[in-house]
PDB file of all heavy atoms in Angstrom:
ATOM      1  N   ALA A   1     232.698 -67.460 -66.324  1.00  0.00           N
ATOM      2  CA  ALA A   1     233.028 -66.148 -66.806  1.00  0.00           C
ATOM      3  C   ALA A   1     232.746 -66.001 -68.280  1.00  0.00           C
ATOM      4  O   ALA A   1     232.217 -64.977 -68.779  1.00  0.00           O
ATOM      5  CB  ALA A   1     234.491 -65.806 -66.520  1.00  0.00           C
ATOM      6  N   TYR A   2     233.119 -67.032 -69.061  1.00  0.00           N
ATOM      7  CA  TYR A   2     232.811 -67.070 -70.492  1.00  0.00           C
ATOM      8  C   TYR A   2     231.322 -66.949 -70.741  1.00  0.00           C
ATOM      9  O   TYR A   2     230.887 -66.194 -71.600  1.00  0.00           O
ATOM     10  CB  TYR A   2     233.315 -68.348 -71.133  1.00  0.00           C
ATOM     11  CG  TYR A   2     234.787 -68.540 -71.278  1.00  0.00           C
ATOM     12  CD1 TYR A   2     235.349 -69.835 -71.326  1.00  0.00           C
ATOM     13  CD2 TYR A   2     235.662 -67.472 -71.326  1.00  0.00           C
ATOM     14  CE1 TYR A   2     236.681 -70.003 -71.484  1.00  0.00           C
ATOM     15  CE2 TYR A   2     237.023 -67.658 -71.476  1.00  0.00           C
ATOM     16  CZ  TYR A   2     237.566 -68.930 -71.533  1.00  0.00           C
ATOM     17  OH  TYR A   2     238.890 -69.118 -71.659  1.00  0.00           O
ATOM     18  N   HIS A   3     230.564 -67.745 -69.990  1.00  0.00           N
ATOM     19  CA  HIS A   3     229.081 -67.735 -70.134  1.00  0.00           C
ATOM     20  C   HIS A   3     228.515 -66.385 -69.888  1.00  0.00           C
ATOM     21  O   HIS A   3     227.666 -65.875 -70.634  1.00  0.00           O
ATOM     22  CB  HIS A   3     228.506 -68.817 -69.195  1.00  0.00           C
ATOM     23  CG  HIS A   3     226.995 -68.994 -69.369  1.00  0.00           C
ATOM     24  ND1 HIS A   3     226.104 -68.118 -68.800  1.00  0.00           N
ATOM     25  CD2 HIS A   3     226.290 -69.879 -70.051  1.00  0.00           C
ATOM     26  CE1 HIS A   3     224.863 -68.516 -69.089  1.00  0.00           C
ATOM     27  NE2 HIS A   3     224.963 -69.562 -69.878  1.00  0.00           N
ATOM     28  N   LYS A   4     228.963 -65.758 -68.803  1.00  0.00           N
ATOM     29  CA  LYS A   4     228.463 -64.455 -68.422  1.00  0.00           C
ATOM     30  C   LYS A   4     228.797 -63.412 -69.491  1.00  0.00           C
ATOM     31  O   LYS A   4     227.935 -62.607 -69.883  1.00  0.00           O
ATOM     32  CB  LYS A   4     229.072 -64.049 -67.060  1.00  0.00           C
ATOM     33  CG  LYS A   4     228.555 -62.710 -66.559  1.00  0.00           C
ATOM     34  CD  LYS A   4     229.143 -62.405 -65.146  1.00  0.00           C
ATOM     35  CE  LYS A   4     228.607 -61.062 -64.621  1.00  0.00           C
ATOM     36  NZ  LYS A   4     229.195 -60.776 -63.304  1.00  0.00           N
ATOM     37  N   ASP A   5     229.985 -63.479 -69.992  1.00  0.00           N
ATOM     38  CA  ASP A   5     230.435 -62.529 -71.004  1.00  0.00           C
ATOM     39  C   ASP A   5     229.692 -62.709 -72.321  1.00  0.00           C
ATOM     40  O   ASP A   5     229.240 -61.765 -72.958  1.00  0.00           O
ATOM     41  CB  ASP A   5     231.966 -62.666 -71.243  1.00  0.00           C
ATOM     42  CG  ASP A   5     232.504 -61.638 -72.200  1.00  0.00           C
ATOM     43  OD1 ASP A   5     232.219 -60.446 -72.018  1.00  0.00           O
ATOM     44  OD2 ASP A   5     233.207 -61.989 -73.160  1.00  0.00           O
ATOM     45  N   LEU A   6     229.571 -63.939 -72.774  1.00  0.00           N
ATOM     46  CA  LEU A   6     228.852 -64.231 -73.969  1.00  0.00           C
ATOM     47  C   LEU A   6     227.386 -63.846 -73.906  1.00  0.00           C
ATOM     48  O   LEU A   6     226.801 -63.340 -74.844  1.00  0.00           O
ATOM     49  CB  LEU A   6     228.958 -65.719 -74.348  1.00  0.00           C
ATOM     50  CG  LEU A   6     230.268 -66.156 -75.078  1.00  0.00           C
ATOM     51  CD1 LEU A   6     230.333 -67.684 -75.116  1.00  0.00           C
ATOM     52  CD2 LEU A   6     230.367 -65.580 -76.467  1.00  0.00           C
ATOM     53  N   THR A   7     226.784 -64.109 -72.760  1.00  0.00           N
ATOM     54  CA  THR A   7     225.376 -63.719 -72.549  1.00  0.00           C
ATOM     55  C   THR A   7     225.213 -62.240 -72.724  1.00  0.00           C
ATOM     56  O   THR A   7     224.247 -61.761 -73.360  1.00  0.00           O
ATOM     57  CB  THR A   7     224.920 -64.193 -71.144  1.00  0.00           C
ATOM     58  OG1 THR A   7     225.006 -65.601 -71.024  1.00  0.00           O
ATOM     59  CG2 THR A   7     223.484 -63.761 -70.889  1.00  0.00           C
ATOM     60  N   ALA A   8     226.113 -61.485 -72.128  1.00  0.00           N
ATOM     61  CA  ALA A   8     226.041 -60.010 -72.223  1.00  0.00           C
ATOM     62  C   ALA A   8     226.256 -59.551 -73.688  1.00  0.00           C
ATOM     63  O   ALA A   8     225.561 -58.645 -74.163  1.00  0.00           O
ATOM     64  CB  ALA A   8     227.092 -59.363 -71.322  1.00  0.00           C
ATOM     65  N   GLN A   9     227.200 -60.206 -74.363  1.00  0.00           N
ATOM     66  CA  GLN A   9     227.478 -59.858 -75.749  1.00  0.00           C
ATOM     67  C   GLN A   9     226.300 -60.138 -76.669  1.00  0.00           C
ATOM     68  O   GLN A   9     225.923 -59.281 -77.543  1.00  0.00           O
ATOM     69  CB  GLN A   9     228.714 -60.613 -76.273  1.00  0.00           C
ATOM     70  CG  GLN A   9     230.015 -60.150 -75.688  1.00  0.00           C
ATOM     71  CD  GLN A   9     231.206 -60.883 -76.313  1.00  0.00           C
ATOM     72  OE1 GLN A   9     231.299 -61.014 -77.512  1.00  0.00           O
ATOM     73  NE2 GLN A   9     232.098 -61.347 -75.491  1.00  0.00           N
ATOM     74  N   VAL A  10     225.663 -61.284 -76.475  1.00  0.00           N
ATOM     75  CA  VAL A  10     224.484 -61.626 -77.314  1.00  0.00           C
ATOM     76  C   VAL A  10     223.346 -60.648 -77.020  1.00  0.00           C
ATOM     77  O   VAL A  10     222.693 -60.180 -77.946  1.00  0.00           O
ATOM     78  CB  VAL A  10     224.046 -63.090 -77.033  1.00  0.00           C
ATOM     79  CG1 VAL A  10     222.684 -63.354 -77.622  1.00  0.00           C
ATOM     80  CG2 VAL A  10     225.063 -64.082 -77.594  1.00  0.00           C
ATOM     81  N   ALA A  11     223.135 -60.367 -75.743  1.00  0.00           N
ATOM     82  CA  ALA A  11     222.015 -59.512 -75.391  1.00  0.00           C
ATOM     83  C   ALA A  11     222.144 -58.084 -75.976  1.00  0.00           C
ATOM     84  O   ALA A  11     221.201 -57.462 -76.369  1.00  0.00           O
ATOM     85  CB  ALA A  11     221.881 -59.430 -73.895  1.00  0.00           C
ATOM     86  N   SER A  12     223.428 -57.583 -76.059  1.00  0.00           N
ATOM     87  CA  SER A  12     223.640 -56.219 -76.495  1.00  0.00           C
ATOM     88  C   SER A  12     223.968 -56.058 -77.967  1.00  0.00           C
ATOM     89  O   SER A  12     223.956 -54.960 -78.473  1.00  0.00           O
ATOM     90  CB  SER A  12     224.751 -55.611 -75.662  1.00  0.00           C
ATOM     91  OG  SER A  12     225.995 -56.286 -75.908  1.00  0.00           O
ATOM     92  N   GLU A  13     224.247 -57.202 -78.690  1.00  0.00           N
ATOM     93  CA  GLU A  13     224.672 -57.144 -80.059  1.00  0.00           C
ATOM     94  C   GLU A  13     223.563 -56.582 -80.980  1.00  0.00           C
ATOM     95  O   GLU A  13     222.424 -57.054 -80.895  1.00  0.00           O
ATOM     96  CB  GLU A  13     225.135 -58.495 -80.564  1.00  0.00           C
ATOM     97  CG  GLU A  13     225.729 -58.496 -81.957  1.00  0.00           C
ATOM     98  CD  GLU A  13     226.905 -57.561 -82.109  1.00  0.00           C
ATOM     99  OE1 GLU A  13     227.957 -57.860 -81.544  1.00  0.00           O
ATOM    100  OE2 GLU A  13     226.717 -56.523 -82.763  1.00  0.00           O
ATOM    101  N   THR A  14     223.886 -55.656 -81.826  1.00  0.00           N
ATOM    102  CA  THR A  14     222.907 -55.099 -82.774  1.00  0.00           C
ATOM    103  C   THR A  14     223.282 -55.375 -84.234  1.00  0.00           C
ATOM    104  O   THR A  14     222.437 -55.156 -85.108  1.00  0.00           O
ATOM    105  CB  THR A  14     222.809 -53.558 -82.572  1.00  0.00           C
ATOM    106  OG1 THR A  14     224.097 -52.957 -82.786  1.00  0.00           O
ATOM    107  CG2 THR A  14     222.284 -53.234 -81.164  1.00  0.00           C
ATOM    108  N   ASP A  15     224.482 -55.824 -84.466  1.00  0.00           N
ATOM    109  CA  ASP A  15     224.914 -56.144 -85.839  1.00  0.00           C
ATOM    110  C   ASP A  15     224.394 -57.544 -86.166  1.00  0.00           C
ATOM    111  O   ASP A  15     224.646 -58.501 -85.493  1.00  0.00           O
ATOM    112  CB  ASP A  15     226.428 -56.097 -85.909  1.00  0.00           C
ATOM    113  CG  ASP A  15     226.912 -56.286 -87.341  1.00  0.00           C
ATOM    114  OD1 ASP A  15     226.949 -57.466 -87.802  1.00  0.00           O
ATOM    115  OD2 ASP A  15     227.265 -55.308 -88.016  1.00  0.00           O
ATOM    116  N   LYS A  16     223.670 -57.590 -87.290  1.00  0.00           N
ATOM    117  CA  LYS A  16     223.036 -58.847 -87.704  1.00  0.00           C
ATOM    118  C   LYS A  16     224.019 -59.998 -87.960  1.00  0.00           C
ATOM    119  O   LYS A  16     223.749 -61.142 -87.628  1.00  0.00           O
ATOM    120  CB  LYS A  16     222.197 -58.625 -88.964  1.00  0.00           C
ATOM    121  CG  LYS A  16     221.197 -57.484 -88.832  1.00  0.00           C
ATOM    122  CD  LYS A  16     220.571 -57.110 -90.177  1.00  0.00           C
ATOM    123  CE  LYS A  16     219.711 -55.883 -90.052  1.00  0.00           C
ATOM    124  NZ  LYS A  16     220.505 -54.683 -89.727  1.00  0.00           N
ATOM    125  N   ILE A  17     225.160 -59.703 -88.584  1.00  0.00           N
ATOM    126  CA  ILE A  17     226.129 -60.729 -88.915  1.00  0.00           C
ATOM    127  C   ILE A  17     227.007 -61.064 -87.691  1.00  0.00           C
ATOM    128  O   ILE A  17     227.291 -62.217 -87.450  1.00  0.00           O
ATOM    129  CB  ILE A  17     226.945 -60.318 -90.129  1.00  0.00           C
ATOM    130  CG1 ILE A  17     226.049 -60.274 -91.365  1.00  0.00           C
ATOM    131  CG2 ILE A  17     228.123 -61.260 -90.318  1.00  0.00           C
ATOM    132  CD1 ILE A  17     226.731 -59.870 -92.617  1.00  0.00           C
ATOM    133  N   ALA A  18     227.407 -60.069 -86.944  1.00  0.00           N
ATOM    134  CA  ALA A  18     228.262 -60.267 -85.776  1.00  0.00           C
ATOM    135  C   ALA A  18     227.541 -61.069 -84.698  1.00  0.00           C
ATOM    136  O   ALA A  18     228.230 -61.697 -83.892  1.00  0.00           O
ATOM    137  CB  ALA A  18     228.761 -58.915 -85.246  1.00  0.00           C
ATOM    138  N   LEU A  19     226.220 -61.029 -84.704  1.00  0.00           N
ATOM    139  CA  LEU A  19     225.507 -61.752 -83.655  1.00  0.00           C
ATOM    140  C   LEU A  19     225.673 -63.286 -83.756  1.00  0.00           C
ATOM    141  O   LEU A  19     225.807 -63.960 -82.748  1.00  0.00           O
ATOM    142  CB  LEU A  19     223.995 -61.403 -83.795  1.00  0.00           C
ATOM    143  CG  LEU A  19     223.041 -62.201 -82.864  1.00  0.00           C
ATOM    144  CD1 LEU A  19     223.291 -61.883 -81.411  1.00  0.00           C
ATOM    145  CD2 LEU A  19     221.588 -61.863 -83.228  1.00  0.00           C
ATOM    146  N   LEU A  20     225.720 -63.778 -85.014  1.00  0.00           N
ATOM    147  CA  LEU A  20     225.667 -65.212 -85.196  1.00  0.00           C
ATOM    148  C   LEU A  20     226.811 -65.983 -84.483  1.00  0.00           C
ATOM    149  O   LEU A  20     226.547 -66.918 -83.759  1.00  0.00           O
ATOM    150  CB  LEU A  20     225.658 -65.537 -86.679  1.00  0.00           C
ATOM    151  CG  LEU A  20     225.574 -67.044 -87.004  1.00  0.00           C
ATOM    152  CD1 LEU A  20     224.312 -67.646 -86.470  1.00  0.00           C
ATOM    153  CD2 LEU A  20     225.598 -67.250 -88.523  1.00  0.00           C
ATOM    154  N   PRO A  21     228.093 -65.638 -84.690  1.00  0.00           N
ATOM    155  CA  PRO A  21     229.125 -66.410 -83.990  1.00  0.00           C
ATOM    156  C   PRO A  21     229.026 -66.365 -82.476  1.00  0.00           C
ATOM    157  O   PRO A  21     229.403 -67.340 -81.781  1.00  0.00           O
ATOM    158  CB  PRO A  21     230.431 -65.751 -84.500  1.00  0.00           C
ATOM    159  CG  PRO A  21     230.064 -64.476 -85.076  1.00  0.00           C
ATOM    160  CD  PRO A  21     228.676 -64.612 -85.564  1.00  0.00           C
ATOM    161  N   LYS A  22     228.510 -65.288 -81.935  1.00  0.00           N
ATOM    162  CA  LYS A  22     228.379 -65.154 -80.511  1.00  0.00           C
ATOM    163  C   LYS A  22     227.234 -66.092 -80.012  1.00  0.00           C
ATOM    164  O   LYS A  22     227.358 -66.773 -78.987  1.00  0.00           O
ATOM    165  CB  LYS A  22     228.054 -63.713 -80.119  1.00  0.00           C
ATOM    166  CG  LYS A  22     229.189 -62.754 -80.389  1.00  0.00           C
ATOM    167  CD  LYS A  22     228.864 -61.307 -80.162  1.00  0.00           C
ATOM    168  CE  LYS A  22     230.064 -60.427 -80.514  1.00  0.00           C
ATOM    169  NZ  LYS A  22     229.761 -58.989 -80.355  1.00  0.00           N
ATOM    170  N   VAL A  23     226.160 -66.184 -80.789  1.00  0.00           N
ATOM    171  CA  VAL A  23     225.051 -67.082 -80.459  1.00  0.00           C
ATOM    172  C   VAL A  23     225.555 -68.540 -80.551  1.00  0.00           C
ATOM    173  O   VAL A  23     225.276 -69.344 -79.649  1.00  0.00           O
ATOM    174  CB  VAL A  23     223.889 -66.883 -81.447  1.00  0.00           C
ATOM    175  CG1 VAL A  23     222.914 -68.031 -81.322  1.00  0.00           C
ATOM    176  CG2 VAL A  23     223.164 -65.563 -81.095  1.00  0.00           C
ATOM    177  N   ILE A  24     226.317 -68.863 -81.572  1.00  0.00           N
ATOM    178  CA  ILE A  24     226.810 -70.207 -81.731  1.00  0.00           C
ATOM    179  C   ILE A  24     227.715 -70.603 -80.560  1.00  0.00           C
ATOM    180  O   ILE A  24     227.611 -71.674 -80.005  1.00  0.00           O
ATOM    181  CB  ILE A  24     227.567 -70.361 -83.052  1.00  0.00           C
ATOM    182  CG1 ILE A  24     226.603 -70.204 -84.229  1.00  0.00           C
ATOM    183  CG2 ILE A  24     228.271 -71.721 -83.135  1.00  0.00           C
ATOM    184  CD1 ILE A  24     227.289 -70.054 -85.563  1.00  0.00           C
ATOM    185  N   ALA A  25     228.647 -69.673 -80.167  1.00  0.00           N
ATOM    186  CA  ALA A  25     229.540 -69.938 -79.074  1.00  0.00           C
ATOM    187  C   ALA A  25     228.804 -70.169 -77.769  1.00  0.00           C
ATOM    188  O   ALA A  25     229.116 -71.057 -76.991  1.00  0.00           O
ATOM    189  CB  ALA A  25     230.514 -68.784 -78.923  1.00  0.00           C
ATOM    190  N   LEU A  26     227.733 -69.369 -77.557  1.00  0.00           N
ATOM    191  CA  LEU A  26     226.952 -69.497 -76.302  1.00  0.00           C
ATOM    192  C   LEU A  26     226.150 -70.807 -76.314  1.00  0.00           C
ATOM    193  O   LEU A  26     226.112 -71.518 -75.283  1.00  0.00           O
ATOM    194  CB  LEU A  26     226.020 -68.313 -76.167  1.00  0.00           C
ATOM    195  CG  LEU A  26     225.158 -68.255 -74.876  1.00  0.00           C
ATOM    196  CD1 LEU A  26     226.048 -68.370 -73.640  1.00  0.00           C
ATOM    197  CD2 LEU A  26     224.367 -66.974 -74.856  1.00  0.00           C
ATOM    198  N   LEU A  27     225.549 -71.164 -77.424  1.00  0.00           N
ATOM    199  CA  LEU A  27     224.843 -72.439 -77.505  1.00  0.00           C
ATOM    200  C   LEU A  27     225.743 -73.618 -77.346  1.00  0.00           C
ATOM    201  O   LEU A  27     225.461 -74.590 -76.625  1.00  0.00           O
ATOM    202  CB  LEU A  27     224.089 -72.540 -78.848  1.00  0.00           C
ATOM    203  CG  LEU A  27     222.874 -71.598 -79.028  1.00  0.00           C
ATOM    204  CD1 LEU A  27     222.371 -71.699 -80.481  1.00  0.00           C
ATOM    205  CD2 LEU A  27     221.760 -71.967 -78.072  1.00  0.00           C
ATOM    206  N   PHE A  28     226.908 -73.538 -77.955  1.00  0.00           N
ATOM    207  CA  PHE A  28     227.950 -74.621 -77.847  1.00  0.00           C
ATOM    208  C   PHE A  28     228.375 -74.798 -76.405  1.00  0.00           C
ATOM    209  O   PHE A  28     228.495 -75.936 -75.904  1.00  0.00           O
ATOM    210  CB  PHE A  28     229.131 -74.272 -78.698  1.00  0.00           C
ATOM    211  CG  PHE A  28     230.075 -75.419 -79.009  1.00  0.00           C
ATOM    212  CD1 PHE A  28     229.884 -76.205 -80.155  1.00  0.00           C
ATOM    213  CD2 PHE A  28     231.081 -75.757 -78.139  1.00  0.00           C
ATOM    214  CE1 PHE A  28     230.701 -77.284 -80.437  1.00  0.00           C
ATOM    215  CE2 PHE A  28     231.937 -76.813 -78.412  1.00  0.00           C
ATOM    216  CZ  PHE A  28     231.728 -77.582 -79.587  1.00  0.00           C
TER     217      PHE A  28
END
């Protein structure tokens, strides 16, 4: 569920700075 949610958040994020922690969490 975390993976699915993070994937959706990364795909839809448009804020340049807010994207980074979501990408890091998904890669981790």
